[in-house]
Structures are given as structure tokens and as C-alpha cells.
Amino acid sequence: MQFAVARRGLPSAAALLKWARAGAPFNEVTLRIVGMRESRFLNKSFRRRDTPTNVLSFHYGGRRGDIVLCHPVIAREARRQGKTLAAHYAHLVVHGMLHLRGHGHGRRMEKREISILRRFGIANPYAVE
């Protein structure tokens, strides 16, 4: 686990690890929580999108990968969506881990996310309130 931002207000390392393990069993995964500048740089470098983003996943083959989470984007989205910060982090960690397992965006992946999050008492992140 790597924190490139202040840890105050973030979910605990134990919670992040619990959510990651629920998403996929990987031997080597680094969760890195970053600020806007690093997220924007990575998103521009690897996805050609010149804006920070909530989560990026990098798979290195086998059971190795990185997940980069942008705290300011996640916090802003959680507020806008009326979710707790922890619930939004849980969703994005699980989302990133499923990408590492090869899942693409779509209904099948959403169903898997909903099922995993339900185990933690977290509501469907795609439900419109």
C-alpha cells in the first residue's frame, strides 16, 4: 500500500486490503492513493485523457498489478453521489481488482461488483437515488 496523499480521512489499510482481496486473489498488487497531479499524469500517459480519474488498473501478467486511486476525485464523487467515502473506495477498489482479473466494463462486471459489495453491507453503487 502506498499513500502519496495525507492519510487522514482515508479508509484504513486493513479495509482497503479486505476490499481488494474480495475483488480478486492476487499475489502482488500495489494500491497507491494519489493526488490530482499524479492521477492526471498517469491518465494522460496511459489512456491519453488529460484529466485526473478515480481509478486506474495496471496488470503486469500473472497475479501482479497496480491500482491507482485518486483521493480528491473519489472524495468529490462520493459527495456528489451521496455515498460515504468508504463505500465509494470499496467500490473502486473492487472495480480495479476486477479489471486486473480481465473484466471489462459492462453489466456482467457490474453484477459482480454489486454482489461483492453486498457482502460488506454496501448498497448497489449503480442504483440511482
N, C-alpha and C. Protein backbone atom coordinates (compact mmCIF):
# COMPACT_ATOMS: atom_id res chain seq x y z
N MET A 1 0.85 -1.16 0.00
CA MET A 1 0.00 0.00 0.00
C MET A 1 0.90 1.24 0.00
N GLN A 2 0.57 2.18 -0.86
CA GLN A 2 1.33 3.42 -0.95
C GLN A 2 0.39 4.61 -0.86
N PHE A 3 0.76 5.56 -0.04
CA PHE A 3 -0.05 6.76 0.13
C PHE A 3 0.77 7.97 -0.30
N ALA A 4 0.36 8.60 -1.40
CA ALA A 4 1.03 9.80 -1.87
C ALA A 4 0.24 11.04 -1.47
N VAL A 5 -0.73 10.86 -0.58
CA VAL A 5 -1.54 11.93 -0.02
C VAL A 5 -1.62 11.71 1.48
N ALA A 6 -2.05 12.74 2.20
CA ALA A 6 -2.22 12.59 3.65
C ALA A 6 -3.25 11.49 3.92
N ARG A 7 -3.00 10.68 4.92
CA ARG A 7 -3.85 9.53 5.20
C ARG A 7 -5.09 9.88 6.01
N ARG A 8 -5.13 11.08 6.55
CA ARG A 8 -6.27 11.48 7.36
C ARG A 8 -7.56 11.43 6.56
N GLY A 9 -8.56 10.75 7.08
CA GLY A 9 -9.85 10.65 6.42
C GLY A 9 -9.98 9.50 5.44
N LEU A 10 -8.88 8.85 5.13
CA LEU A 10 -8.92 7.72 4.20
C LEU A 10 -9.39 6.46 4.92
N PRO A 11 -9.95 5.51 4.17
CA PRO A 11 -10.24 4.21 4.80
C PRO A 11 -8.92 3.60 5.31
N SER A 12 -9.03 2.74 6.29
CA SER A 12 -7.83 2.12 6.85
C SER A 12 -7.18 1.19 5.84
N ALA A 13 -5.90 0.94 6.04
CA ALA A 13 -5.18 -0.01 5.19
C ALA A 13 -5.85 -1.38 5.27
N ALA A 14 -6.32 -1.77 6.45
CA ALA A 14 -6.98 -3.07 6.62
C ALA A 14 -8.26 -3.14 5.78
N ALA A 15 -9.03 -2.06 5.74
CA ALA A 15 -10.26 -2.04 4.94
C ALA A 15 -9.94 -2.12 3.46
N LEU A 16 -8.96 -1.35 3.01
CA LEU A 16 -8.56 -1.38 1.60
C LEU A 16 -8.13 -2.78 1.20
N LEU A 17 -7.36 -3.42 2.05
CA LEU A 17 -6.88 -4.78 1.78
C LEU A 17 -8.04 -5.78 1.74
N LYS A 18 -8.98 -5.64 2.64
CA LYS A 18 -10.15 -6.52 2.69
C LYS A 18 -10.95 -6.41 1.38
N TRP A 19 -11.17 -5.19 0.90
CA TRP A 19 -11.92 -4.99 -0.33
C TRP A 19 -11.15 -5.54 -1.53
N ALA A 20 -9.83 -5.33 -1.53
CA ALA A 20 -9.02 -5.83 -2.64
C ALA A 20 -9.06 -7.36 -2.71
N ARG A 21 -8.94 -8.00 -1.58
CA ARG A 21 -8.97 -9.46 -1.55
C ARG A 21 -10.32 -10.00 -2.01
N ALA A 22 -11.38 -9.30 -1.72
CA ALA A 22 -12.71 -9.73 -2.15
C ALA A 22 -12.86 -9.63 -3.66
N GLY A 23 -12.17 -8.67 -4.27
CA GLY A 23 -12.25 -8.47 -5.70
C GLY A 23 -11.50 -9.51 -6.50
N ALA A 24 -10.37 -9.97 -5.99
CA ALA A 24 -9.58 -10.96 -6.72
C ALA A 24 -8.39 -11.40 -5.88
N PRO A 25 -8.07 -12.68 -5.92
CA PRO A 25 -6.87 -13.15 -5.22
C PRO A 25 -5.63 -12.91 -6.07
N PHE A 26 -4.84 -11.94 -5.70
CA PHE A 26 -3.60 -11.64 -6.41
C PHE A 26 -2.43 -11.78 -5.46
N ASN A 27 -1.31 -12.22 -5.98
CA ASN A 27 -0.11 -12.35 -5.15
C ASN A 27 0.53 -10.99 -4.88
N GLU A 28 0.64 -10.19 -5.91
CA GLU A 28 1.33 -8.91 -5.79
C GLU A 28 0.50 -7.79 -6.41
N VAL A 29 -0.17 -7.03 -5.57
CA VAL A 29 -0.91 -5.86 -6.03
C VAL A 29 -0.55 -4.69 -5.13
N THR A 30 -0.21 -3.60 -5.75
CA THR A 30 0.04 -2.38 -5.01
C THR A 30 -1.17 -1.47 -5.16
N LEU A 31 -1.71 -1.02 -4.05
CA LEU A 31 -2.74 0.02 -4.05
C LEU A 31 -2.01 1.32 -3.75
N ARG A 32 -2.14 2.29 -4.64
CA ARG A 32 -1.49 3.58 -4.45
C ARG A 32 -2.56 4.66 -4.48
N ILE A 33 -2.60 5.46 -3.44
CA ILE A 33 -3.56 6.55 -3.36
C ILE A 33 -2.81 7.85 -3.62
N VAL A 34 -3.28 8.56 -4.65
CA VAL A 34 -2.54 9.72 -5.15
C VAL A 34 -3.42 10.96 -5.17
N GLY A 35 -2.77 12.07 -5.50
CA GLY A 35 -3.47 13.34 -5.68
C GLY A 35 -3.80 13.57 -7.15
N MET A 36 -4.33 14.74 -7.42
CA MET A 36 -4.79 15.10 -8.76
C MET A 36 -3.66 15.09 -9.80
N ARG A 37 -2.52 15.64 -9.43
CA ARG A 37 -1.42 15.77 -10.40
C ARG A 37 -0.95 14.41 -10.90
N GLU A 38 -0.72 13.48 -9.97
CA GLU A 38 -0.23 12.16 -10.39
C GLU A 38 -1.30 11.40 -11.18
N SER A 39 -2.54 11.50 -10.75
CA SER A 39 -3.62 10.82 -11.46
C SER A 39 -3.74 11.36 -12.89
N ARG A 40 -3.68 12.66 -13.03
CA ARG A 40 -3.76 13.28 -14.36
C ARG A 40 -2.60 12.83 -15.24
N PHE A 41 -1.39 12.84 -14.67
CA PHE A 41 -0.21 12.42 -15.42
C PHE A 41 -0.35 10.97 -15.91
N LEU A 42 -0.76 10.08 -15.02
CA LEU A 42 -0.91 8.66 -15.39
C LEU A 42 -2.03 8.47 -16.41
N ASN A 43 -3.14 9.15 -16.21
CA ASN A 43 -4.26 9.02 -17.13
C ASN A 43 -3.88 9.53 -18.52
N LYS A 44 -3.15 10.64 -18.56
CA LYS A 44 -2.71 11.19 -19.83
C LYS A 44 -1.67 10.27 -20.48
N SER A 45 -0.76 9.74 -19.70
CA SER A 45 0.30 8.90 -20.23
C SER A 45 -0.20 7.56 -20.77
N PHE A 46 -1.16 6.97 -20.07
CA PHE A 46 -1.58 5.62 -20.42
C PHE A 46 -2.93 5.53 -21.12
N ARG A 47 -3.78 6.55 -20.97
CA ARG A 47 -5.10 6.50 -21.59
C ARG A 47 -5.34 7.68 -22.52
N ARG A 48 -4.37 8.57 -22.62
CA ARG A 48 -4.45 9.76 -23.47
C ARG A 48 -5.63 10.65 -23.10
N ARG A 49 -5.95 10.67 -21.81
CA ARG A 49 -7.02 11.55 -21.31
C ARG A 49 -6.38 12.53 -20.33
N ASP A 50 -6.41 13.80 -20.67
CA ASP A 50 -5.71 14.83 -19.90
C ASP A 50 -6.57 15.34 -18.74
N THR A 51 -6.92 14.43 -17.85
CA THR A 51 -7.71 14.76 -16.68
C THR A 51 -7.47 13.71 -15.61
N PRO A 52 -7.55 14.09 -14.35
CA PRO A 52 -7.44 13.06 -13.30
C PRO A 52 -8.65 12.13 -13.35
N THR A 53 -8.48 10.91 -12.89
CA THR A 53 -9.57 9.95 -12.88
C THR A 53 -9.61 9.23 -11.54
N ASN A 54 -10.73 8.60 -11.23
CA ASN A 54 -10.89 7.98 -9.91
C ASN A 54 -10.00 6.76 -9.71
N VAL A 55 -9.92 5.87 -10.71
CA VAL A 55 -9.14 4.64 -10.53
C VAL A 55 -8.51 4.22 -11.85
N LEU A 56 -7.29 3.74 -11.76
CA LEU A 56 -6.58 3.16 -12.90
C LEU A 56 -6.05 1.80 -12.46
N SER A 57 -6.10 0.84 -13.37
CA SER A 57 -5.58 -0.51 -13.08
C SER A 57 -4.49 -0.84 -14.10
N PHE A 58 -3.41 -1.43 -13.60
CA PHE A 58 -2.29 -1.83 -14.45
C PHE A 58 -1.97 -3.29 -14.16
N HIS A 59 -2.17 -4.15 -15.14
CA HIS A 59 -1.91 -5.58 -14.98
C HIS A 59 -0.56 -5.90 -15.60
N TYR A 60 0.26 -6.64 -14.86
CA TYR A 60 1.61 -6.95 -15.32
C TYR A 60 1.79 -8.42 -15.67
N GLY A 61 0.71 -9.15 -15.81
CA GLY A 61 0.80 -10.57 -16.13
C GLY A 61 0.75 -11.40 -14.86
N GLY A 62 0.28 -12.62 -15.00
CA GLY A 62 0.15 -13.48 -13.83
C GLY A 62 -0.76 -12.84 -12.80
N ARG A 63 -0.32 -12.88 -11.58
CA ARG A 63 -1.12 -12.30 -10.48
C ARG A 63 -0.45 -11.05 -9.92
N ARG A 64 -0.02 -10.17 -10.83
CA ARG A 64 0.64 -8.94 -10.41
C ARG A 64 -0.04 -7.74 -11.06
N GLY A 65 -0.13 -6.67 -10.29
CA GLY A 65 -0.71 -5.46 -10.84
C GLY A 65 -0.69 -4.31 -9.86
N ASP A 66 -1.09 -3.16 -10.35
CA ASP A 66 -1.19 -1.94 -9.54
C ASP A 66 -2.58 -1.35 -9.73
N ILE A 67 -3.08 -0.77 -8.66
CA ILE A 67 -4.31 0.02 -8.72
C ILE A 67 -3.98 1.38 -8.15
N VAL A 68 -4.28 2.42 -8.92
CA VAL A 68 -4.02 3.80 -8.50
C VAL A 68 -5.37 4.46 -8.29
N LEU A 69 -5.57 4.98 -7.09
CA LEU A 69 -6.82 5.64 -6.70
C LEU A 69 -6.53 7.11 -6.43
N CYS A 70 -7.33 8.00 -7.00
CA CYS A 70 -7.13 9.43 -6.81
C CYS A 70 -8.08 9.94 -5.73
N HIS A 71 -7.51 10.23 -4.57
CA HIS A 71 -8.34 10.62 -3.43
C HIS A 71 -9.23 11.85 -3.69
N PRO A 72 -8.72 12.95 -4.22
CA PRO A 72 -9.60 14.10 -4.42
C PRO A 72 -10.78 13.80 -5.35
N VAL A 73 -10.56 13.03 -6.40
CA VAL A 73 -11.64 12.69 -7.32
C VAL A 73 -12.65 11.79 -6.61
N ILE A 74 -12.16 10.80 -5.88
CA ILE A 74 -13.04 9.88 -5.17
C ILE A 74 -13.87 10.62 -4.13
N ALA A 75 -13.23 11.52 -3.38
CA ALA A 75 -13.96 12.28 -2.36
C ALA A 75 -15.05 13.15 -2.99
N ARG A 76 -14.72 13.81 -4.09
CA ARG A 76 -15.69 14.66 -4.79
C ARG A 76 -16.87 13.82 -5.32
N GLU A 77 -16.56 12.69 -5.94
CA GLU A 77 -17.62 11.82 -6.46
C GLU A 77 -18.52 11.31 -5.34
N ALA A 78 -17.92 10.89 -4.23
CA ALA A 78 -18.71 10.38 -3.11
C ALA A 78 -19.69 11.45 -2.62
N ARG A 79 -19.22 12.68 -2.47
CA ARG A 79 -20.10 13.77 -2.04
C ARG A 79 -21.23 13.99 -3.04
N ARG A 80 -20.89 14.07 -4.32
CA ARG A 80 -21.89 14.31 -5.36
C ARG A 80 -22.93 13.20 -5.44
N GLN A 81 -22.49 11.97 -5.20
CA GLN A 81 -23.37 10.82 -5.32
C GLN A 81 -24.07 10.47 -4.00
N GLY A 82 -23.78 11.22 -2.94
CA GLY A 82 -24.41 10.97 -1.65
C GLY A 82 -24.00 9.65 -1.03
N LYS A 83 -22.76 9.25 -1.26
CA LYS A 83 -22.22 8.00 -0.71
C LYS A 83 -21.21 8.32 0.36
N THR A 84 -20.98 7.35 1.24
CA THR A 84 -19.88 7.53 2.17
C THR A 84 -18.58 7.37 1.41
N LEU A 85 -17.54 7.99 1.91
CA LEU A 85 -16.23 7.86 1.29
C LEU A 85 -15.79 6.40 1.30
N ALA A 86 -16.02 5.71 2.40
CA ALA A 86 -15.63 4.30 2.50
C ALA A 86 -16.35 3.45 1.46
N ALA A 87 -17.65 3.67 1.26
CA ALA A 87 -18.41 2.89 0.28
C ALA A 87 -17.88 3.12 -1.13
N HIS A 88 -17.53 4.37 -1.43
CA HIS A 88 -17.03 4.66 -2.78
C HIS A 88 -15.65 4.05 -2.98
N TYR A 89 -14.79 4.15 -1.96
CA TYR A 89 -13.48 3.49 -2.04
C TYR A 89 -13.65 1.99 -2.23
N ALA A 90 -14.54 1.38 -1.46
CA ALA A 90 -14.75 -0.07 -1.58
C ALA A 90 -15.12 -0.41 -3.02
N HIS A 91 -16.05 0.35 -3.59
CA HIS A 91 -16.47 0.09 -4.96
C HIS A 91 -15.30 0.19 -5.92
N LEU A 92 -14.52 1.25 -5.81
CA LEU A 92 -13.44 1.46 -6.78
C LEU A 92 -12.29 0.49 -6.61
N VAL A 93 -12.03 0.05 -5.38
CA VAL A 93 -11.00 -0.98 -5.17
C VAL A 93 -11.46 -2.29 -5.81
N VAL A 94 -12.69 -2.69 -5.54
CA VAL A 94 -13.24 -3.91 -6.14
C VAL A 94 -13.24 -3.76 -7.67
N HIS A 95 -13.67 -2.62 -8.17
CA HIS A 95 -13.70 -2.35 -9.61
C HIS A 95 -12.31 -2.54 -10.22
N GLY A 96 -11.31 -1.94 -9.59
CA GLY A 96 -9.94 -2.06 -10.09
C GLY A 96 -9.44 -3.50 -10.06
N MET A 97 -9.75 -4.22 -8.99
CA MET A 97 -9.32 -5.61 -8.89
C MET A 97 -9.97 -6.47 -9.97
N LEU A 98 -11.24 -6.23 -10.26
CA LEU A 98 -11.91 -6.99 -11.32
C LEU A 98 -11.30 -6.69 -12.68
N HIS A 99 -10.88 -5.45 -12.90
CA HIS A 99 -10.17 -5.15 -14.15
C HIS A 99 -8.87 -5.95 -14.22
N LEU A 100 -8.17 -6.08 -13.11
CA LEU A 100 -6.94 -6.87 -13.12
C LEU A 100 -7.21 -8.32 -13.48
N ARG A 101 -8.39 -8.80 -13.13
CA ARG A 101 -8.78 -10.17 -13.47
C ARG A 101 -9.24 -10.31 -14.91
N GLY A 102 -9.29 -9.19 -15.63
CA GLY A 102 -9.65 -9.25 -17.03
C GLY A 102 -11.08 -8.85 -17.35
N HIS A 103 -11.84 -8.43 -16.36
CA HIS A 103 -13.21 -8.00 -16.60
C HIS A 103 -13.21 -6.63 -17.28
N GLY A 104 -14.09 -6.46 -18.25
CA GLY A 104 -14.27 -5.17 -18.90
C GLY A 104 -15.55 -4.53 -18.37
N HIS A 105 -15.75 -3.28 -18.71
CA HIS A 105 -16.97 -2.61 -18.28
C HIS A 105 -18.18 -3.27 -18.93
N GLY A 106 -19.26 -3.33 -18.20
CA GLY A 106 -20.48 -3.91 -18.72
C GLY A 106 -21.33 -4.48 -17.61
N ARG A 107 -22.48 -4.95 -17.98
CA ARG A 107 -23.45 -5.45 -17.00
C ARG A 107 -22.92 -6.61 -16.17
N ARG A 108 -22.17 -7.50 -16.81
CA ARG A 108 -21.63 -8.65 -16.08
C ARG A 108 -20.69 -8.22 -14.94
N MET A 109 -19.82 -7.27 -15.26
CA MET A 109 -18.90 -6.76 -14.24
C MET A 109 -19.68 -6.04 -13.14
N GLU A 110 -20.66 -5.24 -13.51
CA GLU A 110 -21.47 -4.54 -12.53
C GLU A 110 -22.14 -5.51 -11.57
N LYS A 111 -22.69 -6.59 -12.09
CA LYS A 111 -23.33 -7.60 -11.23
C LYS A 111 -22.33 -8.19 -10.24
N ARG A 112 -21.13 -8.44 -10.70
CA ARG A 112 -20.09 -8.99 -9.82
C ARG A 112 -19.74 -7.97 -8.73
N GLU A 113 -19.58 -6.72 -9.11
CA GLU A 113 -19.28 -5.67 -8.13
C GLU A 113 -20.38 -5.57 -7.08
N ILE A 114 -21.63 -5.55 -7.54
CA ILE A 114 -22.77 -5.44 -6.63
C ILE A 114 -22.78 -6.60 -5.64
N SER A 115 -22.52 -7.79 -6.14
CA SER A 115 -22.50 -8.98 -5.29
C SER A 115 -21.40 -8.92 -4.24
N ILE A 116 -20.22 -8.52 -4.65
CA ILE A 116 -19.09 -8.41 -3.71
C ILE A 116 -19.37 -7.34 -2.66
N LEU A 117 -19.82 -6.18 -3.09
CA LEU A 117 -20.07 -5.08 -2.17
C LEU A 117 -21.18 -5.41 -1.18
N ARG A 118 -22.16 -6.16 -1.61
CA ARG A 118 -23.27 -6.55 -0.74
C ARG A 118 -22.74 -7.32 0.48
N ARG A 119 -21.68 -8.11 0.29
CA ARG A 119 -21.07 -8.87 1.42
C ARG A 119 -20.57 -7.95 2.53
N PHE A 120 -20.27 -6.71 2.16
CA PHE A 120 -19.77 -5.74 3.14
C PHE A 120 -20.86 -4.78 3.60
N GLY A 121 -22.09 -5.06 3.21
CA GLY A 121 -23.19 -4.19 3.59
C GLY A 121 -23.23 -2.88 2.81
N ILE A 122 -22.63 -2.88 1.63
CA ILE A 122 -22.59 -1.68 0.80
C ILE A 122 -23.62 -1.79 -0.31
N ALA A 123 -24.42 -0.76 -0.45
CA ALA A 123 -25.51 -0.74 -1.42
C ALA A 123 -24.98 -0.74 -2.85
N ASN A 124 -25.85 -1.11 -3.77
CA ASN A 124 -25.55 -1.11 -5.19
C ASN A 124 -25.02 0.27 -5.60
N PRO A 125 -23.77 0.35 -6.06
CA PRO A 125 -23.21 1.66 -6.40
C PRO A 125 -23.80 2.25 -7.67
N TYR A 126 -24.52 1.43 -8.44
CA TYR A 126 -25.10 1.90 -9.69
C TYR A 126 -26.56 2.32 -9.55
N ALA A 127 -27.14 2.11 -8.39
CA ALA A 127 -28.55 2.47 -8.17
C ALA A 127 -28.68 3.99 -8.15
N VAL A 128 -29.67 4.48 -8.83
CA VAL A 128 -29.95 5.91 -8.86
C VAL A 128 -30.95 6.22 -7.76
N GLU A 129 -30.60 7.17 -6.92
CA GLU A 129 -31.50 7.54 -5.82
C GLU A 129 -32.22 8.81 -6.11
